[in-house]
C-alpha atoms as a PDB file:
ATOM      1  CA  MET A   1     -10.578 -21.145 -30.845  1.00  0.00           C
ATOM      2  CA  LEU A   2     -10.001 -17.699 -29.337  1.00  0.00           C
ATOM      3  CA  THR A   3     -12.965 -15.864 -27.997  1.00  0.00           C
ATOM      4  CA  ARG A   4     -13.410 -12.198 -28.645  1.00  0.00           C
ATOM      5  CA  ARG A   5     -12.604 -11.356 -25.016  1.00  0.00           C
ATOM      6  CA  THR A   6      -9.393 -13.424 -25.063  1.00  0.00           C
ATOM      7  CA  ALA A   7      -8.259 -11.810 -28.313  1.00  0.00           C
ATOM      8  CA  LEU A   8      -8.903  -8.330 -26.925  1.00  0.00           C
ATOM      9  CA  LEU A   9      -7.097  -9.099 -23.689  1.00  0.00           C
ATOM     10  CA  SER A  10      -4.054 -10.550 -25.459  1.00  0.00           C
ATOM     11  CA  SER A  11      -3.841  -7.549 -27.802  1.00  0.00           C
ATOM     12  CA  LEU A  12      -3.999  -5.136 -24.861  1.00  0.00           C
ATOM     13  CA  ILE A  13      -1.223  -7.037 -23.090  1.00  0.00           C
ATOM     14  CA  ALA A  14       0.909  -6.974 -26.231  1.00  0.00           C
ATOM     15  CA  MET A  15       0.409  -3.229 -26.664  1.00  0.00           C
ATOM     16  CA  GLY A  16       1.342  -2.651 -23.028  1.00  0.00           C
ATOM     17  CA  ALA A  17       4.497  -4.741 -23.373  1.00  0.00           C
ATOM     18  CA  LEU A  18       5.591  -2.736 -26.406  1.00  0.00           C
ATOM     19  CA  SER A  19       5.102   0.611 -24.703  1.00  0.00           C
ATOM     20  CA  VAL A  20       7.320  -0.178 -21.696  1.00  0.00           C
ATOM     21  CA  SER A  21      10.547   1.803 -21.709  1.00  0.00           C
ATOM     22  CA  PRO A  22      13.154   2.494 -19.041  1.00  0.00           C
ATOM     23  CA  ALA A  23      12.600   5.632 -16.986  1.00  0.00           C
ATOM     24  CA  SER A  24      15.015   8.480 -17.483  1.00  0.00           C
ATOM     25  CA  ALA A  25      14.383  10.907 -14.645  1.00  0.00           C
ATOM     26  CA  GLU A  26      16.719  13.308 -12.937  1.00  0.00           C
ATOM     27  CA  PRO A  27      17.727  12.481  -9.356  1.00  0.00           C
ATOM     28  CA  LYS A  28      15.400  14.114  -6.831  1.00  0.00           C
ATOM     29  CA  LYS A  29      16.724  16.408  -4.124  1.00  0.00           C
ATOM     30  CA  ASP A  30      13.415  17.230  -2.421  1.00  0.00           C
ATOM     31  CA  PHE A  31      10.657  14.841  -1.395  1.00  0.00           C
ATOM     32  CA  LYS A  32       7.153  15.247  -0.016  1.00  0.00           C
ATOM     33  CA  VAL A  33       5.852  12.749   2.511  1.00  0.00           C
ATOM     34  CA  ALA A  34       2.191  12.280   3.344  1.00  0.00           C
ATOM     35  CA  TRP A  35       0.332   9.817   5.526  1.00  0.00           C
ATOM     36  CA  SER A  36      -3.124   9.044   6.680  1.00  0.00           C
ATOM     37  CA  ILE A  37      -4.272   8.145  10.182  1.00  0.00           C
ATOM     38  CA  TYR A  38      -5.598   4.615  10.592  1.00  0.00           C
ATOM     39  CA  ALA A  39      -8.470   5.054  13.027  1.00  0.00           C
ATOM     40  CA  GLY A  40      -8.093   1.492  14.320  1.00  0.00           C
ATOM     41  CA  TRP A  41      -4.864   2.453  16.117  1.00  0.00           C
ATOM     42  CA  MET A  42      -6.252   5.582  17.774  1.00  0.00           C
ATOM     43  CA  PRO A  43      -7.407   3.864  21.021  1.00  0.00           C
ATOM     44  CA  TRP A  44      -3.926   2.398  21.603  1.00  0.00           C
ATOM     45  CA  GLY A  45      -2.422   5.867  22.080  1.00  0.00           C
ATOM     46  CA  TYR A  46      -5.079   6.685  24.660  1.00  0.00           C
ATOM     47  CA  VAL A  47      -4.479   3.354  26.417  1.00  0.00           C
ATOM     48  CA  ALA A  48      -0.716   3.967  26.552  1.00  0.00           C
ATOM     49  CA  ASP A  49      -1.031   7.596  27.698  1.00  0.00           C
ATOM     50  CA  HIS A  50      -3.419   6.789  30.553  1.00  0.00           C
ATOM     51  CA  GLY A  51      -1.663   3.666  31.869  1.00  0.00           C
ATOM     52  CA  ILE A  52      -4.606   1.403  31.106  1.00  0.00           C
ATOM     53  CA  ALA A  53      -2.428  -1.313  29.554  1.00  0.00           C
ATOM     54  CA  GLN A  54      -0.414  -1.671  32.778  1.00  0.00           C
ATOM     55  CA  LYS A  55      -3.633  -2.554  34.642  1.00  0.00           C
ATOM     56  CA  TRP A  56      -4.391  -5.470  32.312  1.00  0.00           C
ATOM     57  CA  PRO A  57      -3.303  -8.946  33.467  1.00  0.00           C
ATOM     58  CA  LYS A  58      -0.258 -10.409  31.729  1.00  0.00           C
ATOM     59  CA  ASN A  59      -0.850 -13.183  29.224  1.00  0.00           C
ATOM     60  CA  THR A  60       0.317 -16.425  30.857  1.00  0.00           C
ATOM     61  CA  ALA A  61      -0.329 -18.697  27.887  1.00  0.00           C
END
């Protein structure tokens, strides 16, 4: 027996499947690129610029 939630979910999936159509867009000639800085990588630039990494012992494992 279908529950109300299962029936609703299956009907939403069916409606989504029916509305899918192939895209018909013109080829793009211009693009915009954006990025965000990941703060976790910020110290590595400082380490490389100041030669700190060269002072660290090499991994011998």
